[in-house]
Amino acid sequence: MGTFLAGAPILPVSNVSGEGFEALIKALASLVRSIVPRRSDGVFRVPLDRAFSARGFGTVVAGIPVAGRAAVGDEVVLLPQGQTGRIKRIQVYGRDSSCVLAGQCAALNVPAWDHRAIRRGDVVTVPGYFAPETWYAAELRLLPEEKLAGPVVSAGLKNGASAKLHTGTSEVLARVYSLEGGPVLPGSHGFVQVRLERPVVAGPGDPFILRSLNPVRTIGGGRILEATSRRLKRHRPEVRQMLAEQAAALDDDLRRVEQRLRRAPGLAASEADLAGAAKIPRLRVAEILAQLVSEQKAVALGAGLYLHAEGLFAARERILAAVRQFHEQSPESLGPTAEQLRQATGLEKPVLAAVLGRMKAQGDLVERGQRLGLPGHRPRLEGPQGQLVGEIEHRLLQHLFHPPGADELAAATGASSDAVRKALAILVEHGRAVAVADGLWFHADALARAQQILVEYLLKEGRLESVRFKYLLDTTRKYALPLLDYFDRVGLLRRSGNTRFLREKPQA
């Protein structure tokens, strides 16, 4: 009573008369039909029982795959060693086979490995999915008090208690930390984090057993949720909420991928990222992502990246908050640049670019001269700063082809060098001035006039010697040569030595 056999049918049989065997066979057949077969569409993984060398074949590893399938010729990796190799031969239940499925007792011939370096508990799997880890989050159920070992465990599993953890074919010493805010009590279940004495390969949903050290008895068991890179904060409600969601999604690929996408570092993730995090084959992940996109639960950003709908909303809110703050602090500006937004929001470039594109298309933001602002924002140049900007613009117009530098403008206006440079930056941002070279600003009208003179001359003469340009503008080399370099950079001119040509004749 009280075991897994409770409620099982009792079927009497007679070896003498054969009576009852027909009913027994039918009951066994019914039991077999009720067993849910192991999935063969997962990521192939075999916890190894043993390894040996076969004459003429080399290293053979044996075990029962817990997921997926593999075929002769497939590349596999041995963990924790990290060595890759190809399967040369497969035997299933002692017979040659071209492939092996989850749940089948198999031997894999991988000649590239040294059997002497392989031990029970090592894992053979597909490259790119698993890694040996020492920290795992798990869901644990302790046995009832009357079946627990000793008064210490019977009072609940102490935080940091030592125990033996068995999962796959691994047996390893572990420390168990409760994530419930208190000890896991007998007969109850809760979330824990285990720190293993040595790295072990395990995946979401893998069953495990805990055994006490003295006396050696089983005290509980459960399922692995995920590997963790660090100790989790036990008193944070969001940690328990996250683990509860993971536990509920262990048997649901779609929910597991969606969770991983929702929790993706940097908000966005690729198929490969999600496949590796969820331990689900990439083809299946691609199908799930297509479904999530069709249900508007995810967005394809391009370049193979995906963003959860909640992440899209969060990114949009971050961007809008950053733009509003920028407008408040710099009302004279059209808005921040994309790089300024990246620094303010912490969003990665691909995510930022994709979300900005959507926001511009939807009218949430307006782009003007590589600046991004709210649709209703109108730059305000008021007070002393507005007067300084106007005075500097006037002086640039006065000296069209030999404009004063920042220091000259500071001396002429009585403003500080920093204030002058900020005023020049405002003029550049608003398209009323252009920084042609370091420390050299021209008014936009000057550039337009210089380009007109240049194009008219080249259309007539076909070529321009650099020294000639200063005479066309009635200026000096100090200003003429940087202007020519600028027109080279923007694609108007083609340079050959000291001679310039029109790169492409303007349309009439």
Protein backbone atom coordinates (compact mmCIF):
# COMPACT_ATOMS: atom_id res chain seq x y z
CA MET A 1 0.00 0.00 0.00
CA GLY A 2 1.13 3.54 -0.69
CA THR A 3 3.52 2.50 -3.50
CA PHE A 4 3.27 2.91 -7.27
CA LEU A 5 1.61 -0.53 -7.32
CA ALA A 6 -1.35 0.63 -5.24
CA GLY A 7 -4.52 -0.05 -7.21
CA ALA A 8 -2.81 -2.36 -9.72
CA PRO A 9 -4.93 -5.38 -10.74
CA ILE A 10 -4.09 -8.76 -9.20
CA LEU A 11 -4.34 -11.55 -11.78
CA PRO A 12 -4.02 -15.17 -10.59
CA VAL A 13 -2.42 -17.60 -13.05
CA SER A 14 -1.64 -21.32 -12.99
CA ASN A 15 1.53 -22.77 -14.44
CA VAL A 16 -0.06 -26.19 -14.29
CA SER A 17 -3.33 -25.61 -16.10
CA GLY A 18 -2.43 -22.39 -17.90
CA GLU A 19 -5.51 -20.77 -16.47
CA GLY A 20 -5.33 -16.95 -16.26
CA PHE A 21 -2.50 -16.44 -18.76
CA GLU A 22 -4.81 -15.08 -21.44
CA ALA A 23 -6.09 -12.40 -19.07
CA LEU A 24 -2.51 -11.62 -17.97
CA ILE A 25 -1.33 -11.20 -21.55
CA LYS A 26 -4.26 -8.90 -22.34
CA ALA A 27 -3.54 -6.83 -19.22
CA LEU A 28 0.14 -6.52 -20.13
CA ALA A 29 -0.75 -5.54 -23.71
CA SER A 30 -3.14 -2.90 -22.39
CA LEU A 31 -0.43 -1.58 -20.09
CA VAL A 32 2.05 -1.36 -22.97
CA ARG A 33 -0.48 0.52 -25.10
CA SER A 34 -1.00 3.02 -22.28
CA ILE A 35 2.68 3.94 -22.17
CA VAL A 36 3.43 7.22 -23.89
CA PRO A 37 6.40 6.59 -26.20
CA ARG A 38 9.43 8.79 -25.76
CA ARG A 39 9.64 11.57 -28.29
CA SER A 40 12.20 11.11 -31.02
CA ASP A 41 11.92 14.68 -32.30
CA GLY A 42 13.93 16.23 -29.48
CA VAL A 43 17.64 16.95 -29.25
CA PHE A 44 19.50 13.63 -29.27
CA ARG A 45 21.12 12.90 -25.92
CA VAL A 46 22.49 9.72 -24.33
CA PRO A 47 23.63 9.51 -20.70
CA LEU A 48 26.34 6.85 -20.93
CA ASP A 49 26.42 3.62 -18.95
CA ARG A 50 29.82 2.50 -20.12
CA ALA A 51 32.50 2.75 -22.80
CA PHE A 52 34.85 0.13 -24.21
CA SER A 53 37.03 -0.62 -27.21
CA ALA A 54 35.95 -3.20 -29.79
CA ARG A 55 38.64 -4.86 -31.91
CA GLY A 56 38.56 -3.47 -35.43
CA PHE A 57 36.11 -0.69 -34.56
CA GLY A 58 37.60 1.39 -31.76
CA THR A 59 35.64 3.14 -29.04
CA VAL A 60 32.04 2.10 -28.38
CA VAL A 61 29.78 3.96 -25.95
CA ALA A 62 26.55 2.48 -24.61
CA GLY A 63 23.41 3.89 -23.07
CA ILE A 64 19.72 4.65 -23.59
CA PRO A 65 18.91 7.93 -25.38
CA VAL A 66 16.55 10.12 -23.34
CA ALA A 67 15.53 12.21 -26.36
CA GLY A 68 15.85 12.52 -30.12
CA ARG A 69 17.35 10.23 -32.70
CA ALA A 70 20.74 9.74 -34.34
CA ALA A 71 21.95 8.01 -37.48
CA VAL A 72 25.19 6.58 -38.79
CA GLY A 73 27.36 9.46 -40.01
CA ASP A 74 25.90 12.05 -37.62
CA GLU A 75 28.28 14.35 -35.77
CA VAL A 76 28.00 14.13 -31.99
CA VAL A 77 29.82 15.64 -29.05
CA LEU A 78 31.02 13.96 -25.86
CA LEU A 79 30.45 15.98 -22.69
CA PRO A 80 31.96 17.20 -20.44
CA GLN A 81 35.09 16.54 -22.54
CA GLY A 82 33.79 18.62 -25.46
CA GLN A 83 35.20 16.22 -28.07
CA THR A 84 33.30 15.81 -31.34
CA GLY A 85 33.19 12.75 -33.56
CA ARG A 86 31.05 10.92 -36.11
CA ILE A 87 29.01 7.81 -35.50
CA LYS A 88 30.49 5.02 -37.60
CA ARG A 89 28.20 2.20 -36.51
CA ILE A 90 25.07 1.71 -34.39
CA GLN A 91 23.68 -1.33 -32.65
CA VAL A 92 20.21 -1.36 -31.09
CA TYR A 93 19.48 -4.24 -28.71
CA GLY A 94 22.59 -5.99 -30.04
CA ARG A 95 21.68 -5.72 -33.72
CA ASP A 96 23.13 -3.42 -36.37
CA SER A 97 20.90 -0.46 -37.17
CA SER A 98 21.12 2.66 -39.31
CA CYS A 99 19.66 4.81 -36.53
CA VAL A 100 18.70 4.86 -32.87
CA LEU A 101 15.63 6.42 -31.23
CA ALA A 102 14.97 7.68 -27.73
CA GLY A 103 14.30 4.84 -25.30
CA GLN A 104 16.24 2.19 -27.22
CA CYS A 105 19.22 0.45 -25.66
CA ALA A 106 22.05 1.30 -28.01
CA ALA A 107 25.78 1.12 -28.62
CA LEU A 108 27.44 3.83 -30.71
CA ASN A 109 30.80 3.34 -32.40
CA VAL A 110 32.74 6.64 -32.41
CA PRO A 111 36.37 5.83 -33.29
CA ALA A 112 37.60 9.40 -32.72
CA TRP A 113 37.24 9.08 -28.94
CA ASP A 114 39.44 7.34 -26.38
CA HIS A 115 37.32 4.95 -24.32
CA ARG A 116 39.74 5.27 -21.40
CA ALA A 117 38.79 8.96 -20.98
CA ILE A 118 35.05 8.22 -20.81
CA ARG A 119 33.18 7.35 -17.63
CA ARG A 120 29.66 6.55 -16.56
CA GLY A 121 27.58 9.74 -16.43
CA ASP A 122 29.21 11.37 -19.45
CA VAL A 123 26.78 12.40 -22.19
CA VAL A 124 26.70 12.07 -25.96
CA THR A 125 24.58 14.71 -27.67
CA VAL A 126 24.32 17.07 -30.64
CA PRO A 127 26.78 20.00 -30.75
CA GLY A 128 25.42 23.43 -29.84
CA TYR A 129 22.74 22.57 -27.29
CA PHE A 130 24.14 21.31 -23.99
CA ALA A 131 27.04 22.15 -21.72
CA PRO A 132 28.15 20.69 -18.39
CA GLU A 133 26.89 22.88 -15.53
CA THR A 134 27.22 22.98 -11.75
CA TRP A 135 24.10 25.06 -10.90
CA TYR A 136 20.59 23.86 -11.72
CA ALA A 137 17.12 25.09 -10.75
CA ALA A 138 14.70 22.26 -10.08
CA GLU A 139 11.30 21.30 -8.73
CA LEU A 140 11.69 18.98 -5.74
CA ARG A 141 9.19 16.80 -3.90
CA LEU A 142 10.23 15.32 -0.55
CA LEU A 143 8.89 11.97 0.62
CA PRO A 144 6.39 11.91 3.52
CA GLU A 145 7.88 12.27 7.00
CA GLU A 146 7.53 8.60 7.92
CA LYS A 147 9.75 7.62 4.98
CA LEU A 148 12.47 10.21 5.43
CA ALA A 149 15.89 9.48 6.83
CA GLY A 150 16.60 10.90 10.26
CA PRO A 151 15.16 13.75 12.30
CA VAL A 152 17.11 16.48 10.45
CA VAL A 153 15.53 15.71 7.08
CA SER A 154 12.20 14.94 8.70
CA ALA A 155 12.07 18.52 9.98
CA GLY A 156 12.49 19.77 6.43
CA LEU A 157 15.43 20.01 4.07
CA LYS A 158 17.77 22.62 5.48
CA ASN A 159 19.05 25.34 3.21
CA GLY A 160 22.41 24.21 1.84
CA ALA A 161 21.90 20.58 2.91
CA SER A 162 24.20 18.02 1.30
CA ALA A 163 22.77 15.08 -0.62
CA LYS A 164 23.54 12.73 -3.48
CA LEU A 165 21.82 13.69 -6.73
CA HIS A 166 21.14 11.04 -9.35
CA THR A 167 20.10 12.10 -12.86
CA GLY A 168 20.61 10.26 -16.11
CA THR A 169 23.51 7.97 -15.28
CA SER A 170 25.27 10.57 -13.12
CA GLU A 171 25.67 10.38 -9.38
CA VAL A 172 27.11 13.53 -7.82
CA LEU A 173 27.33 15.22 -4.44
CA ALA A 174 25.12 18.31 -4.28
CA ARG A 175 24.12 21.12 -1.97
CA VAL A 176 20.42 21.94 -2.07
CA TYR A 177 19.17 25.51 -1.58
CA SER A 178 15.49 26.22 -1.09
CA LEU A 179 13.94 28.99 -3.18
CA GLU A 180 10.74 28.97 -1.14
CA GLY A 181 11.85 31.34 1.61
CA GLY A 182 12.01 28.40 4.03
CA PRO A 183 12.86 24.69 4.05
CA VAL A 184 11.02 22.26 1.79
CA LEU A 185 8.87 20.24 4.19
CA PRO A 186 8.25 16.48 4.15
CA GLY A 187 5.50 15.43 1.77
CA SER A 188 5.55 18.80 0.02
CA HIS A 189 7.18 20.13 -3.10
CA GLY A 190 9.00 23.35 -3.85
CA PHE A 191 11.57 25.02 -6.03
CA VAL A 192 15.22 24.53 -5.20
CA GLN A 193 18.61 25.26 -6.65
CA VAL A 194 21.32 22.63 -6.53
CA ARG A 195 25.04 23.20 -6.69
CA LEU A 196 26.89 20.12 -7.88
CA GLU A 197 30.34 19.05 -6.81
CA ARG A 198 31.31 18.65 -10.46
CA PRO A 199 29.67 19.73 -13.75
CA VAL A 200 26.91 17.48 -15.08
CA VAL A 201 24.89 17.61 -18.30
CA ALA A 202 21.12 17.78 -17.74
CA GLY A 203 18.18 19.31 -19.56
CA PRO A 204 14.72 20.73 -18.81
CA GLY A 205 12.39 18.01 -17.59
CA ASP A 206 15.11 15.51 -16.68
CA PRO A 207 14.05 13.49 -13.61
CA PHE A 208 16.37 13.29 -10.62
CA ILE A 209 16.49 11.56 -7.25
CA LEU A 210 17.95 12.92 -4.02
CA ARG A 211 19.46 10.56 -1.45
CA SER A 212 20.66 11.41 2.03
CA LEU A 213 24.30 10.76 2.87
CA ASN A 214 23.92 9.10 6.26
CA PRO A 215 21.95 6.92 6.31
CA VAL A 216 21.87 6.45 2.54
CA ARG A 217 18.19 6.62 1.67
CA THR A 218 16.03 8.20 -0.97
CA ILE A 219 14.51 11.41 0.41
CA GLY A 220 12.85 12.86 -2.66
CA GLY A 221 13.07 13.67 -6.33
CA GLY A 222 11.76 15.89 -9.05
CA ARG A 223 12.57 17.42 -12.40
CA ILE A 224 15.31 19.73 -13.61
CA LEU A 225 14.03 23.12 -14.81
CA GLU A 226 17.14 24.77 -16.23
CA ALA A 227 20.83 25.36 -15.77
CA THR A 228 21.69 28.62 -14.04
CA SER A 229 24.92 30.57 -14.18
CA ARG A 230 24.71 31.83 -10.60
CA ARG A 231 22.91 31.59 -7.27
CA LEU A 232 19.30 32.73 -7.51
CA LYS A 233 17.81 35.17 -4.98
CA ARG A 234 15.51 33.06 -2.82
CA HIS A 235 13.42 35.92 -1.42
CA ARG A 236 12.46 37.48 -4.74
CA PRO A 237 8.87 36.66 -5.83
CA GLU A 238 9.77 37.08 -9.50
CA VAL A 239 12.26 34.21 -9.23
CA ARG A 240 9.60 31.82 -7.99
CA GLN A 241 7.17 33.10 -10.62
CA MET A 242 9.73 32.45 -13.35
CA LEU A 243 10.38 28.91 -12.09
CA ALA A 244 6.64 28.18 -11.83
CA GLU A 245 6.21 29.22 -15.46
CA GLN A 246 9.11 27.00 -16.49
CA ALA A 247 7.70 24.03 -14.59
CA ALA A 248 4.33 24.48 -16.29
CA ALA A 249 5.98 24.60 -19.72
CA LEU A 250 8.27 21.56 -19.42
CA ASP A 251 6.04 19.43 -21.63
CA ASP A 252 4.99 22.22 -24.01
CA ASP A 253 7.54 23.22 -26.65
CA LEU A 254 5.63 26.31 -27.74
CA ARG A 255 5.36 27.71 -24.23
CA ARG A 256 9.01 26.93 -23.55
CA VAL A 257 10.22 28.78 -26.65
CA GLU A 258 7.91 31.71 -25.93
CA GLN A 259 9.23 31.94 -22.38
CA ARG A 260 12.81 31.94 -23.58
CA LEU A 261 12.02 34.64 -26.13
CA ARG A 262 10.29 36.73 -23.47
CA ARG A 263 13.36 36.42 -21.23
CA ALA A 264 15.96 36.87 -23.99
CA PRO A 265 18.99 38.96 -23.01
CA GLY A 266 18.81 42.18 -24.99
CA LEU A 267 15.11 41.41 -25.73
CA ALA A 268 15.80 39.75 -29.11
CA ALA A 269 16.99 36.25 -29.91
CA SER A 270 17.78 34.14 -32.96
CA GLU A 271 16.54 30.65 -33.77
CA ALA A 272 19.89 29.26 -32.68
CA ASP A 273 19.78 31.18 -29.39
CA LEU A 274 16.30 29.90 -28.59
CA ALA A 275 17.06 26.34 -29.66
CA GLY A 276 20.10 26.25 -27.40
CA ALA A 277 18.27 27.82 -24.46
CA ALA A 278 15.11 25.70 -24.73
CA LYS A 279 16.95 22.49 -25.78
CA ILE A 280 14.61 22.09 -28.75
CA PRO A 281 15.78 21.34 -32.33
CA ARG A 282 16.13 24.38 -34.57
CA LEU A 283 13.60 23.16 -37.14
CA ARG A 284 10.98 22.83 -34.42
CA VAL A 285 11.92 26.26 -33.02
CA ALA A 286 11.50 27.76 -36.51
CA GLU A 287 7.97 26.29 -36.71
CA ILE A 288 7.11 27.67 -33.27
CA LEU A 289 8.45 31.13 -34.11
CA ALA A 290 6.39 31.21 -37.29
CA GLN A 291 3.31 30.36 -35.22
CA LEU A 292 4.11 33.02 -32.62
CA VAL A 293 4.56 35.62 -35.37
CA SER A 294 1.26 34.63 -37.00
CA GLU A 295 -0.47 34.96 -33.62
CA GLN A 296 1.19 38.39 -33.13
CA LYS A 297 2.97 37.16 -30.01
CA ALA A 298 6.36 37.75 -31.61
CA VAL A 299 7.90 40.00 -34.25
CA ALA A 300 10.51 39.04 -36.84
CA LEU A 301 13.12 41.80 -36.81
CA GLY A 302 15.12 40.60 -39.79
CA ALA A 303 18.68 39.26 -39.75
CA GLY A 304 17.27 36.12 -38.10
CA LEU A 305 16.23 37.91 -34.90
CA TYR A 306 12.88 37.72 -33.12
CA LEU A 307 11.33 39.88 -30.44
CA HIS A 308 8.45 38.96 -28.16
CA ALA A 309 5.42 41.25 -28.34
CA GLU A 310 5.97 42.19 -24.71
CA GLY A 311 9.58 43.01 -25.52
CA LEU A 312 8.47 45.16 -28.44
CA PHE A 313 6.15 47.12 -26.16
CA ALA A 314 8.89 47.48 -23.53
CA ALA A 315 11.42 48.68 -26.13
CA ARG A 316 8.92 51.18 -27.53
CA GLU A 317 8.20 52.58 -24.07
CA ARG A 318 11.92 52.87 -23.31
CA ILE A 319 12.50 54.77 -26.53
CA LEU A 320 9.57 57.13 -26.02
CA ALA A 321 10.67 57.87 -22.45
CA ALA A 322 14.21 58.61 -23.65
CA VAL A 323 12.96 60.93 -26.42
CA ARG A 324 10.65 62.80 -24.02
CA GLN A 325 13.50 63.28 -21.57
CA PHE A 326 15.76 64.52 -24.36
CA HIS A 327 13.14 67.06 -25.47
CA GLU A 328 12.79 68.32 -21.90
CA GLN A 329 16.54 68.71 -21.43
CA SER A 330 17.29 70.06 -24.94
CA PRO A 331 14.18 71.87 -26.21
CA GLU A 332 16.25 73.59 -28.91
CA SER A 333 17.12 70.24 -30.52
CA LEU A 334 15.14 68.29 -33.09
CA GLY A 335 15.71 65.20 -30.97
CA PRO A 336 18.33 62.56 -30.16
CA THR A 337 20.29 60.56 -32.71
CA ALA A 338 19.91 56.79 -32.92
CA GLU A 339 23.24 56.38 -31.14
CA GLN A 340 22.11 58.65 -28.31
CA LEU A 341 18.95 56.57 -28.00
CA ARG A 342 20.98 53.37 -27.91
CA GLN A 343 23.03 54.73 -25.04
CA ALA A 344 19.96 56.02 -23.21
CA THR A 345 17.87 52.85 -23.57
CA GLY A 346 20.56 50.16 -23.47
CA LEU A 347 18.93 48.44 -26.46
CA GLU A 348 21.19 46.53 -28.81
CA LYS A 349 21.63 48.01 -32.28
CA PRO A 350 19.58 45.43 -34.25
CA VAL A 351 16.68 45.71 -31.80
CA LEU A 352 16.83 49.49 -31.72
CA ALA A 353 16.98 49.78 -35.51
CA ALA A 354 14.03 47.44 -36.01
CA VAL A 355 11.86 49.07 -33.35
CA LEU A 356 12.71 52.58 -34.57
CA GLY A 357 11.72 51.54 -38.08
CA ARG A 358 8.33 50.37 -36.85
CA MET A 359 7.84 53.49 -34.73
CA LYS A 360 8.63 55.79 -37.66
CA ALA A 361 6.28 53.83 -39.92
CA GLN A 362 3.50 54.06 -37.33
CA GLY A 363 4.04 57.77 -36.76
CA ASP A 364 5.29 57.45 -33.18
CA LEU A 365 8.52 59.24 -34.14
CA VAL A 366 9.54 61.68 -36.86
CA GLU A 367 13.05 61.64 -38.35
CA ARG A 368 14.58 64.94 -39.39
CA GLY A 369 18.22 65.12 -40.39
CA GLN A 370 19.16 61.89 -38.57
CA ARG A 371 17.40 63.18 -35.47
CA LEU A 372 14.36 61.47 -33.98
CA GLY A 373 11.62 63.41 -32.26
CA LEU A 374 8.01 63.22 -31.20
CA PRO A 375 5.56 64.30 -33.93
CA GLY A 376 4.39 67.37 -32.02
CA HIS A 377 7.82 68.60 -30.96
CA ARG A 378 8.91 72.01 -32.23
CA PRO A 379 12.46 73.12 -31.37
CA ARG A 380 12.60 76.29 -29.28
CA LEU A 381 15.55 78.66 -29.48
CA GLU A 382 14.87 81.20 -26.77
CA GLY A 383 16.74 83.60 -24.54
CA PRO A 384 20.52 84.11 -24.68
CA GLN A 385 21.10 80.80 -26.45
CA GLY A 386 18.67 81.68 -29.23
CA GLN A 387 20.32 85.07 -29.64
CA LEU A 388 23.78 83.47 -29.81
CA VAL A 389 22.66 80.97 -32.46
CA GLY A 390 21.21 83.79 -34.54
CA GLU A 391 24.35 85.92 -34.23
CA ILE A 392 26.64 83.03 -35.20
CA GLU A 393 24.48 82.18 -38.21
CA HIS A 394 24.61 85.83 -39.28
CA ARG A 395 28.42 85.83 -39.11
CA LEU A 396 28.63 82.59 -41.14
CA LEU A 397 26.47 84.21 -43.81
CA GLN A 398 28.59 87.36 -43.76
CA HIS A 399 31.74 85.36 -44.48
CA LEU A 400 30.31 82.80 -46.88
CA PHE A 401 33.55 81.19 -48.15
CA HIS A 402 35.93 82.12 -45.33
CA PRO A 403 33.83 81.50 -42.21
CA PRO A 404 35.19 82.25 -38.73
CA GLY A 405 36.17 79.36 -36.47
CA ALA A 406 34.85 78.65 -32.99
CA ASP A 407 37.53 80.72 -31.24
CA GLU A 408 36.96 83.69 -33.55
CA LEU A 409 33.21 83.46 -32.99
CA ALA A 410 33.73 83.30 -29.23
CA ALA A 411 35.88 86.44 -29.35
CA ALA A 412 33.40 88.26 -31.59
CA THR A 413 30.30 87.36 -29.56
CA GLY A 414 31.80 87.36 -26.07
CA ALA A 415 30.42 83.86 -25.47
CA SER A 416 32.40 80.93 -24.12
CA SER A 417 33.96 78.43 -26.50
CA ASP A 418 31.63 75.70 -25.20
CA ALA A 419 28.56 77.88 -25.78
CA VAL A 420 29.72 78.69 -29.32
CA ARG A 421 30.33 75.03 -30.14
CA LYS A 422 26.90 74.11 -28.80
CA ALA A 423 25.33 76.86 -30.93
CA LEU A 424 27.20 75.55 -33.99
CA ALA A 425 25.99 72.02 -33.20
CA ILE A 426 22.41 73.34 -33.11
CA LEU A 427 22.87 74.98 -36.52
CA VAL A 428 24.30 71.72 -37.91
CA GLU A 429 21.45 69.71 -36.42
CA HIS A 430 18.88 72.02 -37.99
CA GLY A 431 20.59 71.82 -41.37
CA ARG A 432 21.63 75.48 -41.37
CA ALA A 433 25.36 74.75 -41.11
CA VAL A 434 27.68 71.88 -42.04
CA ALA A 435 30.85 70.74 -40.30
CA VAL A 436 33.03 70.33 -43.40
CA ALA A 437 36.15 69.43 -41.43
CA ASP A 438 37.30 69.38 -37.84
CA GLY A 439 36.87 72.92 -36.52
CA LEU A 440 35.51 74.27 -39.82
CA TRP A 441 31.82 75.12 -40.30
CA PHE A 442 30.16 76.55 -43.42
CA HIS A 443 26.63 77.86 -43.66
CA ALA A 444 24.33 75.62 -45.71
CA ASP A 445 23.85 78.47 -48.21
CA ALA A 446 27.62 78.60 -48.70
CA LEU A 447 27.74 74.91 -49.55
CA ALA A 448 24.84 75.22 -51.95
CA ARG A 449 26.49 78.18 -53.71
CA ALA A 450 29.90 76.45 -53.81
CA GLN A 451 28.35 73.34 -55.31
CA GLN A 452 26.55 75.41 -57.95
CA ILE A 453 29.79 77.17 -58.95
CA LEU A 454 31.67 73.86 -59.00
CA VAL A 455 29.13 71.99 -61.12
CA GLU A 456 28.77 74.83 -63.64
CA TYR A 457 32.54 75.01 -64.06
CA LEU A 458 32.98 71.23 -64.47
CA LEU A 459 30.11 70.94 -66.93
CA LYS A 460 31.84 73.55 -69.03
CA GLU A 461 35.52 72.57 -68.57
CA GLY A 462 35.23 68.86 -67.75
CA ARG A 463 37.95 68.95 -65.08
CA LEU A 464 39.16 71.12 -62.23
CA GLU A 465 42.66 71.50 -60.87
CA SER A 466 42.44 71.83 -57.09
CA VAL A 467 44.39 75.07 -56.99
CA ARG A 468 41.83 76.69 -59.33
CA PHE A 469 38.92 76.27 -56.89
CA LYS A 470 40.06 78.96 -54.45
CA TYR A 471 39.90 81.53 -57.27
CA LEU A 472 36.39 80.45 -58.24
CA LEU A 473 35.23 81.12 -54.67
CA ASP A 474 37.52 84.07 -54.01
CA THR A 475 38.87 82.42 -50.88
CA THR A 476 42.08 80.73 -49.69
CA ARG A 477 43.44 77.17 -49.66
CA LYS A 478 42.48 76.96 -45.98
CA TYR A 479 38.82 76.88 -47.00
CA ALA A 480 38.88 75.69 -50.62
CA LEU A 481 40.67 72.37 -50.09
CA PRO A 482 38.43 71.17 -47.21
CA LEU A 483 35.42 72.03 -49.38
CA LEU A 484 36.76 69.90 -52.23
CA ASP A 485 37.42 67.04 -49.81
CA TYR A 486 33.86 67.38 -48.53
CA PHE A 487 32.44 67.18 -52.05
CA ASP A 488 34.62 64.09 -52.60
CA ARG A 489 33.13 62.45 -49.50
CA VAL A 490 29.52 63.15 -50.42
CA GLY A 491 30.04 61.63 -53.86
CA LEU A 492 29.83 64.74 -56.02
CA LEU A 493 33.44 64.59 -57.23
CA ARG A 494 35.91 61.97 -58.36
CA ARG A 495 39.54 62.73 -57.59
CA SER A 496 42.59 61.75 -59.58
CA GLY A 497 45.71 63.25 -58.03
CA ASN A 498 45.06 66.98 -57.78
CA THR A 499 42.37 66.93 -60.45
CA ARG A 500 38.63 66.66 -59.85
CA PHE A 501 35.89 65.38 -62.16
CA LEU A 502 32.15 65.19 -61.75
CA ARG A 503 31.32 61.71 -60.57
CA GLU A 504 28.02 61.82 -62.40
CA LYS A 505 26.61 64.62 -64.48
CA PRO A 506 23.55 66.17 -62.81
CA GLN A 507 20.27 65.70 -64.61
CA ALA A 508 19.03 68.79 -66.45
